[in-house]
Protein backbone atom coordinates (compact mmCIF):
# COMPACT_ATOMS: atom_id res chain seq x y z
CA MET A 1 -45.31 14.17 20.84
CA LYS A 2 -42.03 15.93 20.15
CA LEU A 3 -39.11 14.84 22.32
CA PRO A 4 -36.86 17.47 23.93
CA ASN A 5 -33.43 17.81 22.27
CA ASN A 6 -31.58 16.10 25.09
CA GLN A 7 -33.64 12.92 24.47
CA LEU A 8 -33.27 12.78 20.68
CA PRO A 9 -30.90 10.19 19.17
CA VAL A 10 -27.62 11.56 17.79
CA LEU A 11 -26.61 10.88 14.17
CA THR A 12 -22.96 11.48 13.30
CA LEU A 13 -22.42 12.27 9.62
CA LYS A 14 -19.03 11.68 7.98
CA LYS A 15 -17.61 11.83 4.48
CA ILE A 16 -14.93 9.24 3.77
CA VAL A 17 -13.40 7.19 0.94
CA HIS A 18 -14.78 3.64 1.10
CA HIS A 19 -14.15 0.99 -1.58
CA LYS A 20 -12.70 3.71 -3.84
CA LYS A 21 -15.81 5.90 -3.61
CA VAL A 22 -16.62 9.00 -1.60
CA VAL A 23 -19.50 8.02 0.70
CA LEU A 24 -21.73 9.62 3.32
CA VAL A 25 -21.51 7.54 6.50
CA VAL A 26 -24.25 7.66 9.16
CA HIS A 27 -23.33 6.51 12.68
CA PHE A 28 -25.91 6.12 15.45
CA THR A 29 -26.70 3.97 18.46
CA TYR A 30 -29.03 1.19 17.33
CA ASN A 31 -32.58 2.49 16.94
CA THR A 32 -35.20 0.54 14.98
CA LYS A 33 -37.23 3.61 13.94
CA ILE A 34 -34.16 5.49 12.69
CA LYS A 35 -32.98 2.40 10.84
CA GLU A 36 -36.34 2.01 9.05
CA LEU A 37 -36.41 5.70 8.13
CA ILE A 38 -32.93 5.51 6.59
CA LYS A 39 -33.88 2.35 4.65
CA SER A 40 -37.05 4.10 3.39
CA ILE A 41 -34.93 6.82 1.74
CA GLY A 42 -33.36 4.24 -0.60
CA GLY A 43 -29.78 3.80 -1.75
CA TYR A 44 -28.32 3.15 1.71
CA SER A 45 -26.52 -0.06 2.61
CA PHE A 46 -25.04 -1.31 5.88
CA SER A 47 -21.29 -1.94 6.12
CA TYR A 48 -20.10 -4.38 8.76
CA THR A 49 -16.58 -2.99 8.29
CA LEU A 50 -17.69 0.58 9.05
CA ARG A 51 -20.46 -0.58 11.43
CA ALA A 52 -22.65 2.09 9.87
CA TRP A 53 -25.08 2.91 7.06
CA HIS A 54 -23.63 4.60 4.00
CA VAL A 55 -24.55 5.96 0.58
CA GLU A 56 -22.68 7.68 -2.26
CA PHE A 57 -21.91 11.23 -1.14
CA THR A 58 -23.94 13.86 -2.98
CA GLU A 59 -25.51 17.09 -1.76
CA LYS A 60 -28.90 15.64 -2.75
CA HIS A 61 -28.42 12.56 -0.52
CA LEU A 62 -27.28 14.77 2.37
CA THR A 63 -30.29 17.12 2.00
CA THR A 64 -32.77 14.20 1.70
CA LEU A 65 -31.41 12.61 4.86
CA LYS A 66 -31.69 15.86 6.84
CA THR A 67 -35.20 16.53 5.52
CA THR A 68 -36.43 12.99 6.31
CA LEU A 69 -35.04 12.98 9.86
CA HIS A 70 -35.72 16.65 10.63
CA GLU A 71 -36.67 17.11 14.32
CA LYS A 72 -36.36 13.35 14.89
CA VAL A 73 -32.61 13.35 15.58
CA ILE A 74 -29.72 15.63 16.42
CA PHE A 75 -27.20 15.83 13.58
CA LYS A 76 -23.52 15.89 14.48
CA GLU A 77 -21.37 16.73 11.46
CA ASP A 78 -17.76 15.62 11.06
CA GLU A 79 -15.28 18.37 10.13
CA ASN A 80 -14.64 16.71 6.73
CA LEU A 81 -18.30 16.67 5.73
CA HIS A 82 -18.11 19.82 3.58
CA LYS A 83 -14.47 19.49 2.54
CA THR A 84 -13.18 18.13 -0.77
CA LEU A 85 -11.39 14.84 -0.12
CA LEU A 86 -8.21 13.89 -1.93
CA LYS A 87 -9.28 11.46 -4.60
CA LYS A 88 -6.15 9.34 -4.80
CA HIS A 89 -8.09 6.11 -4.28
CA VAL A 90 -11.39 7.17 -5.85
CA LYS A 91 -12.35 5.69 -9.20
CA GLU A 92 -14.14 8.33 -11.25
CA GLN A 93 -16.24 7.71 -14.35
CA ARG A 94 -14.24 8.65 -17.43
CA ARG A 95 -15.96 10.36 -20.36
CA LEU A 96 -14.02 9.27 -23.44
CA SER A 97 -15.02 9.37 -27.09
CA GLU A 98 -15.23 6.08 -28.97
CA GLU A 99 -12.27 7.18 -31.11
CA ASN A 100 -10.09 7.83 -28.04
CA LYS A 101 -11.21 4.56 -26.45
CA GLU A 102 -10.00 2.71 -29.54
CA ILE A 103 -6.64 4.54 -29.43
CA ILE A 104 -6.22 3.58 -25.76
CA ARG A 105 -7.07 -0.07 -26.53
CA ASN A 106 -4.44 -0.10 -29.27
CA TYR A 107 -1.94 1.51 -26.88
CA VAL A 108 -2.52 -1.37 -24.46
CA LYS A 109 -1.97 -3.87 -27.29
CA TYR A 110 1.24 -1.99 -28.13
CA LEU A 111 2.49 -2.34 -24.53
CA LYS A 112 1.66 -6.04 -24.45
CA GLY A 113 3.49 -6.48 -27.75
CA LYS A 114 6.53 -4.89 -26.08
CA ARG A 115 6.19 -7.62 -23.43
CA TYR A 116 5.61 -5.28 -20.50
CA SER A 117 4.31 -7.00 -17.37
CA GLU A 118 0.59 -7.13 -16.62
CA SER A 119 1.09 -4.76 -13.67
CA THR A 120 2.97 -2.19 -15.79
CA VAL A 121 0.39 -2.37 -18.59
CA LYS A 122 -2.42 -1.77 -16.09
CA THR A 123 -0.61 1.20 -14.51
CA TYR A 124 0.28 2.85 -17.82
CA PHE A 125 -3.24 2.29 -19.17
CA THR A 126 -4.72 4.03 -16.10
CA PHE A 127 -2.41 7.05 -16.44
CA ILE A 128 -3.01 7.50 -20.18
CA ALA A 129 -6.79 7.01 -19.86
CA ASP A 130 -6.91 9.59 -17.04
CA PHE A 131 -4.74 11.97 -19.06
CA ILE A 132 -6.90 11.72 -22.18
CA ASN A 133 -10.01 12.10 -20.03
CA TYR A 134 -8.49 15.28 -18.57
CA ILE A 135 -7.81 16.98 -21.92
CA LYS A 136 -11.51 16.46 -22.83
CA GLU A 137 -12.31 17.57 -26.40
CA LYS A 138 -8.76 18.50 -27.40
CA PRO A 139 -7.57 16.41 -30.40
CA LEU A 140 -4.79 13.98 -29.52
CA ASN A 141 -2.62 15.21 -32.38
CA ALA A 142 -2.63 18.67 -30.75
CA LEU A 143 -1.30 17.45 -27.35
CA THR A 144 1.82 19.25 -26.11
CA ASN A 145 4.17 19.03 -23.14
CA ARG A 146 2.19 21.82 -21.48
CA ASP A 147 -0.87 19.53 -21.41
CA VAL A 148 1.20 16.99 -19.49
CA GLU A 149 2.34 19.69 -17.04
CA LEU A 150 -1.24 20.89 -16.50
CA PHE A 151 -2.40 17.30 -15.90
CA ILE A 152 0.25 16.92 -13.18
CA GLU A 153 -0.65 20.29 -11.63
CA ASP A 154 -4.45 19.85 -11.76
CA VAL A 155 -4.84 16.10 -11.18
CA PHE A 156 -1.67 14.46 -9.88
CA GLU A 157 -0.85 17.00 -7.18
CA PRO A 158 -4.40 17.24 -5.71
CA ARG A 159 -4.56 13.44 -5.58
CA GLY A 160 -1.38 13.36 -3.52
CA MET A 161 0.39 11.04 -5.95
CA SER A 162 3.97 10.11 -5.11
CA ILE A 163 7.19 11.00 -6.95
CA SER A 164 7.44 7.34 -7.97
CA SER A 165 3.98 7.51 -9.59
CA GLN A 166 4.96 10.70 -11.44
CA ARG A 167 8.02 8.94 -12.81
CA GLN A 168 5.75 6.12 -14.03
CA LEU A 169 3.43 8.68 -15.63
CA THR A 170 6.37 10.18 -17.54
CA SER A 171 7.34 6.71 -18.79
CA ALA A 172 3.73 6.05 -19.85
CA ILE A 173 3.62 9.37 -21.78
CA LYS A 174 6.97 8.66 -23.47
CA LEU A 175 5.68 5.29 -24.65
CA PHE A 176 2.42 6.89 -25.79
CA LYS A 177 4.46 9.33 -27.91
CA ALA A 178 6.31 6.38 -29.47
CA PHE A 179 2.97 4.64 -30.14
CA TYR A 180 1.18 7.79 -31.36
CA PRO A 181 3.84 10.01 -32.98
CA ASN A 182 1.20 12.38 -34.42
CA CYS A 183 0.91 14.24 -31.11
CA ARG A 184 3.17 17.23 -30.45
CA ILE A 185 4.62 15.98 -27.17
CA GLU A 186 8.42 16.15 -27.27
CA ASN A 187 10.05 13.16 -25.62
CA ILE A 188 13.35 14.94 -25.02
CA ALA A 189 11.65 17.71 -23.05
CA LEU A 190 9.84 15.21 -20.82
CA THR A 191 11.89 14.77 -17.67
CA ARG A 192 11.27 12.46 -14.74
CA PRO A 193 11.54 13.98 -11.25
CA LYS A 194 14.46 12.65 -9.23
CA LYS A 195 13.78 9.60 -7.10
CA SER A 196 13.08 10.27 -3.44
CA LYS A 197 15.94 8.96 -1.32
CA ILE A 198 13.79 7.66 1.51
CA LEU A 199 15.19 4.91 3.70
CA PRO A 200 12.87 1.89 4.03
CA THR A 201 11.04 1.21 7.27
CA VAL A 202 12.51 -1.82 9.01
CA LEU A 203 11.18 -3.84 11.95
CA SER A 204 13.57 -5.28 14.50
CA MET A 205 13.77 -9.05 14.93
CA GLU A 206 11.96 -8.68 18.25
CA GLU A 207 9.13 -6.79 16.55
CA ILE A 208 8.86 -9.49 13.86
CA ILE A 209 8.51 -12.24 16.51
CA THR A 210 5.97 -10.17 18.47
CA LEU A 211 3.98 -9.57 15.28
CA LEU A 212 3.84 -13.30 14.52
CA ARG A 213 2.89 -14.15 18.12
CA VAL A 214 -0.07 -11.77 18.24
CA THR A 215 -1.38 -13.01 14.87
CA GLN A 216 -3.97 -15.52 16.10
CA ASN A 217 -5.36 -16.59 12.72
CA LEU A 218 -3.30 -19.53 11.41
CA LYS A 219 -3.64 -18.52 7.75
CA HIS A 220 -2.61 -14.93 8.49
CA ARG A 221 0.38 -16.06 10.53
CA ALA A 222 1.52 -18.39 7.71
CA ILE A 223 1.29 -15.49 5.23
CA LEU A 224 3.34 -13.09 7.39
CA ALA A 225 5.91 -15.78 8.18
CA MET A 226 6.33 -16.55 4.46
CA LEU A 227 6.64 -12.87 3.48
CA TYR A 228 9.38 -12.27 6.07
CA SER A 229 11.26 -15.58 6.08
CA ALA A 230 11.62 -15.69 2.26
CA GLY A 231 11.73 -11.93 1.59
CA LEU A 232 8.88 -12.13 -0.94
CA ARG A 233 7.10 -9.32 -2.72
CA ILE A 234 3.35 -9.42 -2.11
CA GLY A 235 2.73 -10.24 -5.79
CA GLU A 236 5.16 -13.17 -5.55
CA LEU A 237 3.36 -14.54 -2.50
CA LEU A 238 -0.06 -14.31 -4.17
CA LYS A 239 1.21 -16.17 -7.28
CA LEU A 240 3.16 -18.77 -5.27
CA GLU A 241 1.91 -22.30 -6.03
CA LEU A 242 2.22 -25.29 -3.69
CA LYS A 243 4.20 -27.23 -6.31
CA ASP A 244 6.93 -24.58 -6.14
CA ILE A 245 7.59 -25.19 -2.43
CA ASP A 246 10.15 -27.97 -1.88
CA ILE A 247 10.14 -28.92 1.81
CA ASP A 248 12.87 -31.59 1.45
CA ARG A 249 15.35 -29.16 -0.15
CA LYS A 250 14.04 -26.22 1.95
CA GLN A 251 13.66 -24.15 -1.20
CA ILE A 252 10.98 -22.02 -2.83
CA SER A 253 10.96 -21.39 -6.59
CA ILE A 254 9.72 -17.92 -7.54
CA LYS A 255 8.48 -18.00 -11.13
CA ASN A 256 8.24 -15.10 -13.59
CA SER A 257 8.80 -12.41 -11.00
CA LYS A 258 9.60 -8.73 -11.55
CA GLY A 259 11.68 -8.34 -14.71
CA ARG A 260 10.43 -11.77 -15.92
CA LYS A 261 13.01 -13.56 -13.78
CA ASP A 262 12.93 -16.86 -11.89
CA ARG A 263 14.87 -17.36 -8.69
CA ASN A 264 15.18 -19.72 -5.74
CA VAL A 265 14.88 -18.57 -2.12
CA ILE A 266 15.30 -20.33 1.20
CA LEU A 267 12.37 -21.94 3.00
CA ALA A 268 13.05 -21.28 6.68
CA GLU A 269 13.37 -24.55 8.60
CA THR A 270 11.52 -23.11 11.58
CA SER A 271 8.55 -22.18 9.37
CA ILE A 272 8.02 -25.74 8.08
CA PRO A 273 5.85 -26.93 11.04
CA LEU A 274 3.69 -23.80 10.65
CA PHE A 275 3.47 -24.39 6.89
CA LYS A 276 2.40 -28.03 7.32
CA HIS A 277 -0.17 -27.14 9.99
CA TYR A 278 -1.63 -24.43 7.76
CA VAL A 279 -1.84 -26.66 4.65
CA THR A 280 -3.46 -29.49 6.67
CA SER A 281 -6.02 -27.13 8.20
CA TYR A 282 -6.96 -25.06 5.13
CA GLU A 283 -6.25 -27.58 2.35
CA PRO A 284 -5.34 -25.12 -0.44
CA LYS A 285 -5.65 -26.73 -3.87
CA ARG A 286 -3.24 -24.79 -6.06
CA TYR A 287 -1.85 -21.62 -4.49
CA PHE A 288 -0.02 -21.33 -1.19
CA VAL A 289 -2.73 -18.93 -0.05
CA GLU A 290 -6.18 -18.91 -1.63
CA GLY A 291 -9.35 -16.86 -1.48
CA ILE A 292 -12.77 -18.07 -0.33
CA LYS A 293 -13.11 -20.06 -3.55
CA LYS A 294 -10.60 -22.91 -3.69
CA GLY A 295 -7.97 -22.62 -6.42
CA THR A 296 -8.22 -18.83 -6.72
CA PRO A 297 -5.53 -16.39 -5.47
CA TYR A 298 -5.92 -14.44 -2.23
CA SER A 299 -6.23 -10.64 -2.42
CA ALA A 300 -3.51 -8.12 -1.61
CA GLU A 301 -6.10 -5.87 0.08
CA SER A 302 -6.91 -8.61 2.62
CA ILE A 303 -3.24 -8.99 3.55
CA ARG A 304 -2.78 -5.25 4.02
CA SER A 305 -5.93 -5.09 6.12
CA PHE A 306 -5.08 -7.84 8.61
CA LEU A 307 -1.42 -6.76 8.79
CA LYS A 308 -2.56 -3.32 9.93
CA LYS A 309 -4.72 -4.86 12.68
CA CYS A 310 -1.93 -7.20 13.82
CA CYS A 311 0.51 -4.29 14.08
CA ARG A 312 -1.90 -2.49 16.37
CA LYS A 313 -2.11 -5.62 18.54
CA ALA A 314 1.68 -5.83 18.62
CA ARG A 315 1.83 -2.11 19.54
CA ILE A 316 4.05 -1.38 16.55
CA THR A 317 3.66 2.31 15.75
CA LYS A 318 5.75 2.31 12.55
CA ARG A 319 3.95 2.42 9.22
CA VAL A 320 4.10 -1.24 8.19
CA THR A 321 3.17 -2.70 4.80
CA PRO A 322 3.79 -6.21 3.41
CA HIS A 323 6.90 -4.80 1.70
CA THR A 324 8.23 -3.74 5.12
CA LEU A 325 8.70 -7.44 5.92
CA ARG A 326 10.84 -7.80 2.77
CA HIS A 327 12.91 -4.75 3.78
CA SER A 328 13.33 -6.25 7.26
CA TYR A 329 14.42 -9.62 5.79
CA ALA A 330 17.15 -7.98 3.68
CA THR A 331 18.39 -5.75 6.50
CA HIS A 332 18.55 -8.61 8.99
CA LEU A 333 20.52 -10.75 6.49
CA LEU A 334 23.03 -7.93 6.09
CA GLU A 335 23.30 -7.43 9.85
CA ASN A 336 24.03 -11.14 10.24
CA GLY A 337 27.00 -11.03 7.86
CA ILE A 338 25.44 -12.17 4.57
CA GLY A 339 27.15 -10.48 1.60
CA LEU A 340 25.36 -7.99 -0.65
CA ARG A 341 25.83 -10.21 -3.71
CA HIS A 342 23.93 -13.09 -2.07
CA ILE A 343 21.21 -10.74 -0.80
CA GLN A 344 20.82 -9.33 -4.31
CA GLU A 345 20.24 -12.86 -5.64
CA LEU A 346 17.74 -13.73 -2.90
CA LEU A 347 15.76 -10.53 -3.46
CA GLY A 348 15.84 -10.82 -7.25
CA HIS A 349 17.31 -7.35 -7.80
CA SER A 350 18.68 -6.65 -11.28
CA LYS A 351 21.09 -3.96 -10.10
CA PRO A 352 23.38 -4.07 -7.04
CA GLU A 353 22.58 -0.38 -6.44
CA THR A 354 19.02 -1.38 -5.47
CA THR A 355 20.34 -3.72 -2.77
CA MET A 356 22.85 -1.12 -1.55
CA ILE A 357 20.08 0.87 0.15
CA TYR A 358 20.06 -1.69 2.96
CA THR A 359 23.59 -0.71 3.91
CA HIS A 360 22.10 2.59 5.10
CA VAL A 361 19.67 0.94 7.51
CA ALA A 362 21.67 -2.07 8.72
CA LYS A 363 23.06 -1.68 12.24
CA LYS A 364 25.88 -4.21 12.12
CA ASP A 365 28.69 -1.69 11.59
CA LEU A 366 26.93 1.24 13.20
CA LEU A 367 26.75 -0.59 16.52
CA ASP A 368 30.57 -0.67 16.63
CA ILE A 369 30.83 3.12 16.30
CA GLN A 370 31.07 5.14 19.48
CA SER A 371 29.67 8.61 19.85
CA PRO A 372 32.34 11.28 20.49
CA LEU A 373 30.39 12.15 23.65
CA ASP A 374 30.89 8.61 25.02
CA ILE A 375 34.61 8.74 24.16
CA ALA A 376 35.04 12.12 25.84
CA LEU A 377 33.32 10.99 29.05
CA LYS A 378 35.39 7.79 29.17
CA ARG A 379 38.64 9.73 28.79
CA ILE A 380 37.96 12.19 31.59
CA SER A 381 36.89 9.35 33.90
CA LYS A 382 40.21 7.42 33.63
CA PRO A 383 41.79 6.52 37.01
CA ASP A 384 44.94 8.65 36.42
CA LYS A 385 42.84 11.80 35.98
CA PRO A 386 40.86 13.57 38.68
CA LYS A 387 37.22 12.57 38.48
CA PRO A 388 34.83 15.48 37.88
CA LYS A 389 32.13 15.99 40.42
CA LEU A 390 29.25 15.73 37.90
CA GLY A 391 28.40 13.69 34.82
CA LEU A 392 25.65 14.40 32.33
CA SER A 393 22.93 13.26 34.70
CA GLY A 394 24.43 14.96 37.73
CA GLU A 395 26.39 11.91 38.83
CA TYR A 396 28.25 8.89 37.44
C-alpha cells in the first residue's frame, strides 16, 4: 500500500566536505526500513560526527539512492547539492608519471638536504606535486612562468587559497628551479604577492577566563591553559615532552621550534595545580598531551575541534584558532607593560618586526587617548560656560 506524501519520511540530501572528501550526506529521522535500504545500496557508512549516513559524492551514487528509495520517501535537496564545492581541503588523486614521481622524490631529498623543516618540506612537496599534476603531459623542461600563472588562476584561486599560501608556492617554485634548472621558469620574474596586513584576532582576558571555565574536560582545559599561559604555537604544544616542564623553576623548554631554535618560556604559577591534576588523572607517558595510544602525540585537528565547541559555549563570536591564544598572550603582555624585546624572546620571533604587530592591537596606550568628541563635550560643559540644553542623547 502506497502512503500519501504527507506520511512519507523526509530525506535531506547535502553535499559537504568531510575528512577531505566531497561526500553525499543523507539525514532522516530514524527509520529501520530506510536504514536497511540505504545499507543495501552499498558504500554508505554512518558518521557519529555528522549523525548521518554518507558516501562519496558522485552522480551515480545520487541517482542510485533516488532510484532505490523512489516513492518511499520525500527528497529534500540542500542548495549546495548541485554546486561545485571549493576544494581547498579535498585531497584529489594525482596522476603522475613514474619519471615525474622520481623527480618529485629527489626534490624532497634536495629540500631535506637544505635542512628545511619537516613542515616546510611537506608544504613545498604538496605544491610542486599539485603543480606537476596540473601541467599533465607537458615536459618539465618546457615549463615557463606562464604555467605557474595558469596554475594559480585555475587551481589556487578556485580553492580559495590565501595570500600566505601563494607566497609559499612561489618559494617552492623558486627552489624547484634551483633543483631542476632545465625548466624555463625564470626566478627573477617570479614575484611573491605582498603580505596581507591583517591584524590578529585577540581575546580579552575576561574572554580567556570564560573560555577556560566553560571547558569541562580536564585534558582540554589543560591544553588551552598551556597554549595561552605560555604563548605556544600548536606544533610546539604537540611536541612538548613532560621532561621539558620544570615545575620547581616554573619554566618550560621549547626544543627545536620554528627556525630550529630552542627557547625557555614561563610556566604560569596558577596553572601548576591544573597541570598536576591533569597529569595525575591522565598519566601521560612521554608528551604533555597524548593521543588514545600512550606515548603518541595528540592531533592538531582534535584541538581545533574542541576549541570551536568551547568558544560556542563561552558565547565568543570571534573566529578563534589555537594561534589566537598565542596572539592574546603577546597582546596582554604588552598591555601589562612588558617590553617588546622580552616578548620577542618569549615568542621565539627572529625579527622584532614580527613582534611589532602587537603594538597595533594592544590597548594600553589607546585607552589613554580621548576622542575629540569627548574633549569638545567636556569643554562646553565647564562651570564658567553656559550649559547647553541638550547633549548627544538629548540630556546630560
